[in-house]
Amino acid sequence: AVMRDEVATAVVDFFTLVSAKNLTKVGWVSQMLVNHTLPITFTHDVLVELKANMNDPNALSNLDVGAIVVNDMAWLGAKATAAAVELMTDPWNWENEGYLAADQVSTIKQIVQWVLDSNNTAEVVSYFPSPFNEIAFEDLVAAFGNFTQMRSEAYLAEEAANETDVNEAYYSTGGATALADVLMGGIAAS
């Protein structure tokens, strides 16, 4: 079975190859990403892969493929583009998709920058949730970065607290503690 992130990587490879030759085909695939033919989580994955491949030294072209694709997405489906950007700020989704938390803020900032560089910025921004749809364009990249960072830190703190509670529950009885001492040489760090 092919995983969604592998398909997203293949789509980005297609964009990279075709963007230098045929922008019509790039537009066709971009339209599929925003017209609800494909799930928004797949669009999210493609955007993450576009950012990851942004500075690929093996790229076949010097074009900013991410900017081209996001421009098409913004023009063809502003509401879905805004929804994909909003989904990227969710640390739970980010972790469940298998991405590193350390990459989330830089990725969202780049995607928002591509939106701002697009030909349909105002419409996409109008679909952003409040207060982002009320912020000046020049402040949006920093605002999304700060918001994503705060959400990520809160999520990671909550996850750490939940993990501590689970560990304490595992070793809450004398028997469990004694067994842990024997089998693991002591209680596991929590």
N, C-alpha and C. Protein backbone atom coordinates (compact mmCIF):
# COMPACT_ATOMS: atom_id res chain seq x y z
N ALA A 1 0.85 -1.19 0.00
CA ALA A 1 0.00 0.00 0.00
C ALA A 1 0.89 1.24 0.00
N VAL A 2 0.47 2.21 -0.76
CA VAL A 2 1.21 3.47 -0.84
C VAL A 2 0.63 4.43 0.18
N MET A 3 1.49 5.04 0.96
CA MET A 3 1.05 5.98 1.98
C MET A 3 0.81 7.36 1.34
N ARG A 4 -0.05 8.13 1.97
CA ARG A 4 -0.41 9.44 1.44
C ARG A 4 0.80 10.35 1.27
N ASP A 5 1.74 10.31 2.19
CA ASP A 5 2.91 11.19 2.07
C ASP A 5 3.78 10.79 0.87
N GLU A 6 3.80 9.50 0.53
CA GLU A 6 4.56 9.06 -0.65
C GLU A 6 3.91 9.58 -1.93
N VAL A 7 2.59 9.57 -1.96
CA VAL A 7 1.88 10.11 -3.12
C VAL A 7 2.10 11.62 -3.20
N ALA A 8 2.08 12.30 -2.05
CA ALA A 8 2.33 13.75 -2.03
C ALA A 8 3.73 14.05 -2.56
N THR A 9 4.70 13.25 -2.19
CA THR A 9 6.06 13.43 -2.69
C THR A 9 6.10 13.23 -4.20
N ALA A 10 5.38 12.24 -4.69
CA ALA A 10 5.34 12.01 -6.14
C ALA A 10 4.67 13.18 -6.86
N VAL A 11 3.64 13.75 -6.27
CA VAL A 11 2.97 14.91 -6.88
C VAL A 11 3.92 16.10 -6.92
N VAL A 12 4.68 16.31 -5.86
CA VAL A 12 5.66 17.41 -5.85
C VAL A 12 6.74 17.16 -6.89
N ASP A 13 7.18 15.92 -7.04
CA ASP A 13 8.15 15.60 -8.09
C ASP A 13 7.57 15.90 -9.47
N PHE A 14 6.29 15.57 -9.66
CA PHE A 14 5.61 15.90 -10.91
C PHE A 14 5.59 17.41 -11.13
N PHE A 15 5.21 18.16 -10.09
CA PHE A 15 5.19 19.63 -10.20
C PHE A 15 6.57 20.16 -10.58
N THR A 16 7.60 19.63 -9.94
CA THR A 16 8.96 20.09 -10.20
C THR A 16 9.35 19.85 -11.64
N LEU A 17 9.02 18.68 -12.15
CA LEU A 17 9.37 18.33 -13.53
C LEU A 17 8.56 19.13 -14.54
N VAL A 18 7.26 19.22 -14.32
CA VAL A 18 6.36 19.80 -15.32
C VAL A 18 6.32 21.32 -15.26
N SER A 19 6.63 21.92 -14.11
CA SER A 19 6.51 23.37 -13.99
C SER A 19 7.40 24.12 -14.98
N ALA A 20 8.49 23.52 -15.37
CA ALA A 20 9.38 24.16 -16.34
C ALA A 20 8.88 24.01 -17.77
N LYS A 21 7.94 23.08 -17.99
CA LYS A 21 7.50 22.78 -19.35
C LYS A 21 6.07 23.18 -19.66
N ASN A 22 5.16 22.92 -18.72
CA ASN A 22 3.74 23.04 -19.05
C ASN A 22 2.95 23.49 -17.82
N LEU A 23 2.73 24.78 -17.69
CA LEU A 23 2.00 25.31 -16.54
C LEU A 23 0.52 24.93 -16.57
N THR A 24 0.01 24.58 -17.72
CA THR A 24 -1.39 24.14 -17.80
C THR A 24 -1.58 22.86 -16.99
N LYS A 25 -0.66 21.93 -17.11
CA LYS A 25 -0.76 20.68 -16.34
C LYS A 25 -0.59 20.95 -14.85
N VAL A 26 0.27 21.88 -14.49
CA VAL A 26 0.42 22.26 -13.09
C VAL A 26 -0.92 22.80 -12.58
N GLY A 27 -1.57 23.61 -13.38
CA GLY A 27 -2.88 24.16 -13.02
C GLY A 27 -3.93 23.07 -12.83
N TRP A 28 -3.92 22.07 -13.70
CA TRP A 28 -4.89 20.98 -13.58
C TRP A 28 -4.74 20.25 -12.24
N VAL A 29 -3.51 19.93 -11.89
CA VAL A 29 -3.28 19.21 -10.64
C VAL A 29 -3.54 20.13 -9.44
N SER A 30 -3.16 21.39 -9.56
CA SER A 30 -3.43 22.35 -8.49
C SER A 30 -4.94 22.46 -8.25
N GLN A 31 -5.70 22.45 -9.32
CA GLN A 31 -7.15 22.53 -9.18
C GLN A 31 -7.69 21.32 -8.42
N MET A 32 -7.13 20.15 -8.67
CA MET A 32 -7.56 18.95 -7.96
C MET A 32 -7.30 19.07 -6.45
N LEU A 33 -6.25 19.82 -6.10
CA LEU A 33 -5.92 19.99 -4.68
C LEU A 33 -6.90 20.89 -3.95
N VAL A 34 -7.60 21.76 -4.68
CA VAL A 34 -8.46 22.74 -4.02
C VAL A 34 -9.95 22.63 -4.37
N ASN A 35 -10.33 21.70 -5.24
CA ASN A 35 -11.75 21.62 -5.61
C ASN A 35 -12.48 20.50 -4.89
N HIS A 36 -11.90 20.02 -3.79
CA HIS A 36 -12.49 18.99 -2.92
C HIS A 36 -12.56 17.63 -3.59
N THR A 37 -11.83 17.43 -4.68
CA THR A 37 -11.70 16.11 -5.27
C THR A 37 -10.81 15.25 -4.38
N LEU A 38 -9.80 15.89 -3.81
CA LEU A 38 -8.86 15.22 -2.92
C LEU A 38 -9.06 15.76 -1.50
N PRO A 39 -8.77 14.95 -0.48
CA PRO A 39 -8.96 15.43 0.89
C PRO A 39 -8.00 16.58 1.22
N ILE A 40 -8.44 17.47 2.09
CA ILE A 40 -7.63 18.63 2.48
C ILE A 40 -6.34 18.18 3.16
N THR A 41 -6.36 17.02 3.80
CA THR A 41 -5.13 16.51 4.42
C THR A 41 -4.08 16.17 3.37
N PHE A 42 -4.53 15.75 2.19
CA PHE A 42 -3.58 15.49 1.11
C PHE A 42 -3.00 16.81 0.60
N THR A 43 -3.84 17.82 0.47
CA THR A 43 -3.36 19.14 0.07
C THR A 43 -2.32 19.63 1.08
N HIS A 44 -2.60 19.43 2.35
CA HIS A 44 -1.65 19.77 3.43
C HIS A 44 -0.32 19.07 3.19
N ASP A 45 -0.36 17.77 2.89
CA ASP A 45 0.86 17.00 2.68
C ASP A 45 1.65 17.52 1.47
N VAL A 46 0.95 17.87 0.41
CA VAL A 46 1.63 18.40 -0.78
C VAL A 46 2.31 19.72 -0.44
N LEU A 47 1.63 20.58 0.31
CA LEU A 47 2.24 21.86 0.69
C LEU A 47 3.50 21.64 1.54
N VAL A 48 3.44 20.70 2.46
CA VAL A 48 4.61 20.40 3.29
C VAL A 48 5.76 19.90 2.42
N GLU A 49 5.46 19.04 1.47
CA GLU A 49 6.49 18.51 0.57
C GLU A 49 7.05 19.60 -0.34
N LEU A 50 6.20 20.53 -0.77
CA LEU A 50 6.70 21.66 -1.58
C LEU A 50 7.72 22.47 -0.80
N LYS A 51 7.43 22.72 0.47
CA LYS A 51 8.37 23.46 1.31
C LYS A 51 9.65 22.66 1.51
N ALA A 52 9.52 21.35 1.74
CA ALA A 52 10.68 20.50 1.98
C ALA A 52 11.60 20.45 0.75
N ASN A 53 11.01 20.53 -0.43
CA ASN A 53 11.80 20.44 -1.66
C ASN A 53 12.21 21.80 -2.20
N MET A 54 11.92 22.84 -1.45
CA MET A 54 12.17 24.20 -1.92
C MET A 54 13.63 24.44 -2.30
N ASN A 55 14.55 23.98 -1.52
CA ASN A 55 15.97 24.22 -1.77
C ASN A 55 16.70 22.94 -2.19
N ASP A 56 16.00 22.07 -2.88
CA ASP A 56 16.57 20.80 -3.32
C ASP A 56 17.66 21.06 -4.36
N PRO A 57 18.91 20.67 -4.06
CA PRO A 57 19.98 20.91 -5.02
C PRO A 57 19.85 20.06 -6.28
N ASN A 58 19.04 19.01 -6.23
CA ASN A 58 18.86 18.13 -7.39
C ASN A 58 17.65 18.52 -8.24
N ALA A 59 17.05 19.65 -7.95
CA ALA A 59 15.87 20.09 -8.70
C ALA A 59 16.24 20.30 -10.16
N LEU A 60 15.30 20.00 -11.03
CA LEU A 60 15.54 20.09 -12.46
C LEU A 60 15.34 21.50 -13.01
N SER A 61 14.91 22.41 -12.14
CA SER A 61 14.66 23.77 -12.60
C SER A 61 14.97 24.75 -11.49
N ASN A 62 15.17 26.00 -11.86
CA ASN A 62 15.44 27.05 -10.88
C ASN A 62 14.16 27.74 -10.42
N LEU A 63 13.03 27.32 -10.94
CA LEU A 63 11.76 27.95 -10.59
C LEU A 63 11.37 27.65 -9.15
N ASP A 64 10.65 28.58 -8.54
CA ASP A 64 10.09 28.35 -7.21
C ASP A 64 8.76 27.62 -7.41
N VAL A 65 8.85 26.30 -7.43
CA VAL A 65 7.68 25.47 -7.74
C VAL A 65 6.58 25.68 -6.72
N GLY A 66 6.95 25.81 -5.44
CA GLY A 66 5.94 26.04 -4.40
C GLY A 66 5.16 27.31 -4.64
N ALA A 67 5.84 28.37 -5.03
CA ALA A 67 5.16 29.64 -5.31
C ALA A 67 4.21 29.50 -6.49
N ILE A 68 4.63 28.76 -7.51
CA ILE A 68 3.78 28.55 -8.69
C ILE A 68 2.52 27.78 -8.31
N VAL A 69 2.70 26.70 -7.57
CA VAL A 69 1.56 25.85 -7.19
C VAL A 69 0.61 26.59 -6.25
N VAL A 70 1.16 27.26 -5.25
CA VAL A 70 0.30 27.99 -4.30
C VAL A 70 -0.42 29.13 -5.02
N ASN A 71 0.22 29.77 -5.96
CA ASN A 71 -0.46 30.81 -6.74
C ASN A 71 -1.65 30.22 -7.49
N ASP A 72 -1.45 29.08 -8.13
CA ASP A 72 -2.56 28.42 -8.83
C ASP A 72 -3.66 28.01 -7.85
N MET A 73 -3.25 27.44 -6.72
CA MET A 73 -4.24 27.02 -5.72
C MET A 73 -5.04 28.21 -5.21
N ALA A 74 -4.36 29.32 -4.94
CA ALA A 74 -5.04 30.51 -4.43
C ALA A 74 -6.02 31.05 -5.46
N TRP A 75 -5.65 31.00 -6.71
CA TRP A 75 -6.53 31.51 -7.77
C TRP A 75 -7.71 30.59 -8.01
N LEU A 76 -7.48 29.28 -7.97
CA LEU A 76 -8.52 28.31 -8.32
C LEU A 76 -9.39 27.90 -7.15
N GLY A 77 -8.92 28.08 -5.94
CA GLY A 77 -9.69 27.67 -4.76
C GLY A 77 -9.20 28.36 -3.51
N ALA A 78 -9.53 29.61 -3.38
CA ALA A 78 -9.04 30.42 -2.25
C ALA A 78 -9.48 29.84 -0.91
N LYS A 79 -10.73 29.40 -0.82
CA LYS A 79 -11.25 28.89 0.45
C LYS A 79 -10.53 27.61 0.87
N ALA A 80 -10.31 26.70 -0.06
CA ALA A 80 -9.61 25.46 0.25
C ALA A 80 -8.14 25.72 0.56
N THR A 81 -7.54 26.69 -0.10
CA THR A 81 -6.15 27.05 0.19
C THR A 81 -6.05 27.57 1.62
N ALA A 82 -6.97 28.43 2.01
CA ALA A 82 -6.98 28.96 3.38
C ALA A 82 -7.19 27.83 4.39
N ALA A 83 -8.06 26.88 4.06
CA ALA A 83 -8.32 25.75 4.97
C ALA A 83 -7.06 24.89 5.13
N ALA A 84 -6.32 24.69 4.05
CA ALA A 84 -5.08 23.90 4.13
C ALA A 84 -4.05 24.61 4.99
N VAL A 85 -3.95 25.92 4.84
CA VAL A 85 -3.01 26.70 5.66
C VAL A 85 -3.42 26.61 7.13
N GLU A 86 -4.70 26.75 7.40
CA GLU A 86 -5.17 26.66 8.78
C GLU A 86 -4.89 25.29 9.37
N LEU A 87 -5.09 24.23 8.59
CA LEU A 87 -4.82 22.87 9.06
C LEU A 87 -3.34 22.69 9.42
N MET A 88 -2.48 23.39 8.72
CA MET A 88 -1.04 23.27 8.97
C MET A 88 -0.64 23.83 10.33
N THR A 89 -1.47 24.66 10.94
CA THR A 89 -1.16 25.22 12.26
C THR A 89 -1.52 24.26 13.39
N ASP A 90 -2.21 23.17 13.08
CA ASP A 90 -2.67 22.22 14.09
C ASP A 90 -1.55 21.23 14.44
N PRO A 91 -0.99 21.32 15.64
CA PRO A 91 0.13 20.44 15.99
C PRO A 91 -0.27 18.97 16.10
N TRP A 92 -1.51 18.69 16.47
CA TRP A 92 -1.97 17.31 16.54
C TRP A 92 -1.94 16.69 15.15
N ASN A 93 -2.49 17.40 14.18
CA ASN A 93 -2.49 16.91 12.80
C ASN A 93 -1.06 16.77 12.28
N TRP A 94 -0.23 17.77 12.59
CA TRP A 94 1.16 17.76 12.12
C TRP A 94 1.88 16.51 12.61
N GLU A 95 1.72 16.20 13.89
CA GLU A 95 2.38 15.02 14.47
C GLU A 95 1.80 13.74 13.89
N ASN A 96 0.48 13.67 13.73
CA ASN A 96 -0.15 12.46 13.21
C ASN A 96 0.19 12.21 11.75
N GLU A 97 0.57 13.25 11.02
CA GLU A 97 1.01 13.08 9.64
C GLU A 97 2.46 12.60 9.59
N GLY A 98 3.14 12.62 10.74
CA GLY A 98 4.49 12.10 10.81
C GLY A 98 5.58 13.14 10.57
N TYR A 99 5.24 14.41 10.67
CA TYR A 99 6.24 15.46 10.45
C TYR A 99 6.88 15.85 11.77
N LEU A 100 8.09 16.39 11.68
CA LEU A 100 8.81 16.83 12.87
C LEU A 100 8.25 18.16 13.36
N ALA A 101 8.03 18.26 14.65
CA ALA A 101 7.50 19.49 15.24
C ALA A 101 8.42 20.67 14.96
N ALA A 102 9.72 20.40 14.88
CA ALA A 102 10.69 21.48 14.64
C ALA A 102 10.53 22.13 13.27
N ASP A 103 9.90 21.44 12.33
CA ASP A 103 9.73 21.98 10.97
C ASP A 103 8.42 22.73 10.78
N GLN A 104 7.51 22.66 11.74
CA GLN A 104 6.17 23.19 11.54
C GLN A 104 6.17 24.70 11.34
N VAL A 105 6.84 25.45 12.18
CA VAL A 105 6.78 26.92 12.11
C VAL A 105 7.40 27.42 10.82
N SER A 106 8.57 26.91 10.46
CA SER A 106 9.21 27.39 9.22
C SER A 106 8.38 27.03 7.99
N THR A 107 7.72 25.88 8.03
CA THR A 107 6.88 25.48 6.90
C THR A 107 5.67 26.39 6.77
N ILE A 108 4.97 26.64 7.87
CA ILE A 108 3.78 27.50 7.79
C ILE A 108 4.16 28.90 7.35
N LYS A 109 5.29 29.40 7.82
CA LYS A 109 5.71 30.74 7.43
C LYS A 109 5.98 30.81 5.92
N GLN A 110 6.60 29.77 5.36
CA GLN A 110 6.87 29.78 3.93
C GLN A 110 5.58 29.68 3.13
N ILE A 111 4.67 28.82 3.55
CA ILE A 111 3.40 28.68 2.83
C ILE A 111 2.62 29.99 2.86
N VAL A 112 2.57 30.64 4.01
CA VAL A 112 1.88 31.94 4.11
C VAL A 112 2.57 32.97 3.21
N GLN A 113 3.89 32.94 3.15
CA GLN A 113 4.60 33.86 2.26
C GLN A 113 4.22 33.60 0.80
N TRP A 114 4.11 32.34 0.42
CA TRP A 114 3.68 32.02 -0.95
C TRP A 114 2.26 32.52 -1.20
N VAL A 115 1.39 32.41 -0.21
CA VAL A 115 0.03 32.94 -0.36
C VAL A 115 0.08 34.45 -0.57
N LEU A 116 0.91 35.11 0.22
CA LEU A 116 1.01 36.57 0.10
C LEU A 116 1.60 36.99 -1.25
N ASP A 117 2.43 36.14 -1.82
CA ASP A 117 3.03 36.43 -3.13
C ASP A 117 2.11 36.06 -4.29
N SER A 118 0.99 35.41 -3.99
CA SER A 118 0.08 34.96 -5.05
C SER A 118 -0.72 36.11 -5.62
N ASN A 119 -1.40 35.82 -6.72
CA ASN A 119 -2.23 36.84 -7.39
C ASN A 119 -3.62 36.96 -6.79
N ASN A 120 -3.92 36.19 -5.76
CA ASN A 120 -5.26 36.22 -5.17
C ASN A 120 -5.18 36.30 -3.64
N THR A 121 -4.20 37.03 -3.16
CA THR A 121 -3.95 37.12 -1.73
C THR A 121 -5.17 37.55 -0.93
N ALA A 122 -5.81 38.60 -1.35
CA ALA A 122 -6.92 39.17 -0.57
C ALA A 122 -8.04 38.16 -0.36
N GLU A 123 -8.37 37.40 -1.39
CA GLU A 123 -9.46 36.43 -1.24
C GLU A 123 -9.07 35.30 -0.30
N VAL A 124 -7.85 34.79 -0.44
CA VAL A 124 -7.41 33.71 0.46
C VAL A 124 -7.43 34.21 1.90
N VAL A 125 -6.87 35.38 2.14
CA VAL A 125 -6.81 35.94 3.50
C VAL A 125 -8.21 36.16 4.06
N SER A 126 -9.15 36.49 3.21
CA SER A 126 -10.52 36.70 3.69
C SER A 126 -11.13 35.43 4.26
N TYR A 127 -10.61 34.27 3.85
CA TYR A 127 -11.10 32.99 4.37
C TYR A 127 -10.31 32.51 5.59
N PHE A 128 -9.23 33.19 5.94
CA PHE A 128 -8.50 32.82 7.14
C PHE A 128 -9.39 33.09 8.35
N PRO A 129 -9.20 32.31 9.43
CA PRO A 129 -10.00 32.57 10.64
C PRO A 129 -9.58 33.89 11.29
N SER A 130 -10.47 34.43 12.06
CA SER A 130 -10.17 35.64 12.82
C SER A 130 -9.11 35.29 13.86
N PRO A 131 -8.16 36.08 14.13
CA PRO A 131 -7.90 37.45 13.71
C PRO A 131 -7.03 37.56 12.47
N PHE A 132 -6.65 36.42 11.85
CA PHE A 132 -5.73 36.48 10.72
C PHE A 132 -6.31 37.22 9.52
N ASN A 133 -7.62 37.17 9.36
CA ASN A 133 -8.23 37.88 8.23
C ASN A 133 -8.33 39.38 8.48
N GLU A 134 -7.90 39.84 9.65
CA GLU A 134 -7.96 41.27 9.98
C GLU A 134 -6.56 41.88 10.12
N ILE A 135 -5.52 41.06 9.97
CA ILE A 135 -4.14 41.52 10.15
C ILE A 135 -3.61 42.04 8.82
N ALA A 136 -2.77 43.06 8.89
CA ALA A 136 -2.14 43.59 7.69
C ALA A 136 -1.31 42.49 7.03
N PHE A 137 -1.30 42.49 5.70
CA PHE A 137 -0.61 41.44 4.96
C PHE A 137 0.85 41.30 5.39
N GLU A 138 1.52 42.42 5.60
CA GLU A 138 2.95 42.35 5.94
C GLU A 138 3.21 41.71 7.31
N ASP A 139 2.19 41.59 8.14
CA ASP A 139 2.34 40.99 9.46
C ASP A 139 1.87 39.53 9.53
N LEU A 140 1.31 39.02 8.43
CA LEU A 140 0.71 37.69 8.46
C LEU A 140 1.73 36.57 8.67
N VAL A 141 2.88 36.66 8.03
CA VAL A 141 3.87 35.58 8.17
C VAL A 141 4.28 35.43 9.63
N ALA A 142 4.63 36.53 10.27
CA ALA A 142 5.02 36.49 11.68
C ALA A 142 3.85 36.04 12.57
N ALA A 143 2.64 36.51 12.27
CA ALA A 143 1.48 36.14 13.09
C ALA A 143 1.22 34.65 13.02
N PHE A 144 1.24 34.08 11.81
CA PHE A 144 1.04 32.64 11.68
C PHE A 144 2.17 31.87 12.35
N GLY A 145 3.40 32.37 12.22
CA GLY A 145 4.53 31.71 12.87
C GLY A 145 4.39 31.70 14.37
N ASN A 146 4.04 32.85 14.95
CA ASN A 146 3.88 32.94 16.41
C ASN A 146 2.71 32.09 16.90
N PHE A 147 1.60 32.12 16.18
CA PHE A 147 0.43 31.35 16.55
C PHE A 147 0.74 29.85 16.51
N THR A 148 1.40 29.42 15.46
CA THR A 148 1.76 28.00 15.32
C THR A 148 2.72 27.58 16.41
N GLN A 149 3.68 28.44 16.72
CA GLN A 149 4.65 28.14 17.79
C GLN A 149 3.94 27.99 19.13
N MET A 150 3.02 28.90 19.44
CA MET A 150 2.28 28.82 20.71
C MET A 150 1.43 27.54 20.77
N ARG A 151 0.74 27.21 19.68
CA ARG A 151 -0.07 25.99 19.65
C ARG A 151 0.79 24.75 19.82
N SER A 152 1.94 24.75 19.18
CA SER A 152 2.84 23.61 19.25
C SER A 152 3.39 23.42 20.66
N GLU A 153 3.80 24.51 21.28
CA GLU A 153 4.33 24.43 22.65
C GLU A 153 3.25 23.95 23.62
N ALA A 154 2.03 24.45 23.48
CA ALA A 154 0.94 24.02 24.35
C ALA A 154 0.63 22.54 24.14
N TYR A 155 0.63 22.11 22.90
CA TYR A 155 0.35 20.72 22.57
C TYR A 155 1.43 19.80 23.15
N LEU A 156 2.69 20.19 22.97
CA LEU A 156 3.79 19.36 23.48
C LEU A 156 3.77 19.29 25.00
N ALA A 157 3.44 20.40 25.67
CA ALA A 157 3.33 20.39 27.13
C ALA A 157 2.20 19.47 27.58
N GLU A 158 1.07 19.53 26.89
CA GLU A 158 -0.06 18.67 27.24
C GLU A 158 0.29 17.20 27.02
N GLU A 159 0.98 16.91 25.92
CA GLU A 159 1.40 15.53 25.65
C GLU A 159 2.36 15.02 26.73
N ALA A 160 3.30 15.87 27.16
CA ALA A 160 4.24 15.48 28.21
C ALA A 160 3.52 15.21 29.52
N ALA A 161 2.54 16.04 29.85
CA ALA A 161 1.76 15.84 31.07
C ALA A 161 0.96 14.55 31.00
N ASN A 162 0.37 14.27 29.85
CA ASN A 162 -0.39 13.03 29.69
C ASN A 162 0.50 11.81 29.80
N GLU A 163 1.71 11.92 29.25
CA GLU A 163 2.65 10.80 29.32
C GLU A 163 3.07 10.53 30.77
N THR A 164 3.29 11.59 31.53
CA THR A 164 3.65 11.45 32.94
C THR A 164 2.51 10.77 33.70
N ASP A 165 1.27 11.17 33.43
CA ASP A 165 0.12 10.55 34.09
C ASP A 165 0.03 9.07 33.77
N VAL A 166 0.30 8.70 32.53
CA VAL A 166 0.24 7.29 32.13
C VAL A 166 1.33 6.51 32.84
N ASN A 167 2.54 7.05 32.88
CA ASN A 167 3.64 6.37 33.56
C ASN A 167 3.34 6.18 35.04
N GLU A 168 2.78 7.20 35.68
CA GLU A 168 2.44 7.08 37.09
C GLU A 168 1.37 6.03 37.31
N ALA A 169 0.44 5.92 36.39
CA ALA A 169 -0.61 4.90 36.50
C ALA A 169 -0.02 3.49 36.37
N TYR A 170 0.97 3.33 35.48
CA TYR A 170 1.60 2.02 35.30
C TYR A 170 2.31 1.56 36.57
N TYR A 171 2.93 2.49 37.27
CA TYR A 171 3.74 2.15 38.43
C TYR A 171 3.08 2.59 39.74
N SER A 172 1.76 2.54 39.79
CA SER A 172 1.05 3.05 40.95
C SER A 172 0.97 2.06 42.11
N THR A 173 1.20 0.78 41.86
CA THR A 173 1.12 -0.21 42.93
C THR A 173 2.50 -0.71 43.30
N GLY A 174 2.58 -1.28 44.49
CA GLY A 174 3.85 -1.83 44.95
C GLY A 174 4.34 -2.96 44.06
N GLY A 175 3.42 -3.79 43.59
CA GLY A 175 3.78 -4.91 42.72
C GLY A 175 4.36 -4.44 41.40
N ALA A 176 3.76 -3.42 40.84
CA ALA A 176 4.26 -2.88 39.56
C ALA A 176 5.63 -2.26 39.73
N THR A 177 5.83 -1.58 40.84
CA THR A 177 7.13 -0.96 41.11
C THR A 177 8.20 -2.03 41.32
N ALA A 178 7.86 -3.08 42.08
CA ALA A 178 8.82 -4.16 42.31
C ALA A 178 9.16 -4.87 41.01
N LEU A 179 8.17 -5.12 40.18
CA LEU A 179 8.40 -5.78 38.90
C LEU A 179 9.26 -4.90 37.99
N ALA A 180 9.01 -3.60 37.98
CA ALA A 180 9.83 -2.69 37.19
C ALA A 180 11.26 -2.68 37.68
N ASP A 181 11.45 -2.73 38.99
CA ASP A 181 12.81 -2.77 39.56
C ASP A 181 13.55 -4.02 39.10
N VAL A 182 12.88 -5.16 39.11
CA VAL A 182 13.50 -6.41 38.76
C VAL A 182 13.78 -6.47 37.26
N LEU A 183 12.79 -6.14 36.46
CA LEU A 183 12.92 -6.29 35.00
C LEU A 183 13.74 -5.20 34.33
N MET A 184 13.66 -3.98 34.84
CA MET A 184 14.31 -2.86 34.17
C MET A 184 15.38 -2.20 35.00
N GLY A 185 15.67 -2.73 36.12
CA GLY A 185 16.69 -2.13 36.95
C GLY A 185 16.25 -0.84 37.60
N GLY A 186 14.96 -0.65 37.78
CA GLY A 186 14.42 0.56 38.40
C GLY A 186 13.25 1.10 37.62
N ILE A 187 12.62 2.09 38.15
CA ILE A 187 11.48 2.71 37.50
C ILE A 187 11.95 3.51 36.31
N ALA A 188 11.24 3.35 35.22
CA ALA A 188 11.57 4.11 34.01
C ALA A 188 11.38 5.60 34.26
N ALA A 189 12.22 6.39 33.62
CA ALA A 189 12.10 7.85 33.76
C ALA A 189 10.77 8.30 33.22
N SER A 190 10.17 9.27 33.90
CA SER A 190 8.89 9.77 33.41
C SER A 190 9.02 11.18 32.94
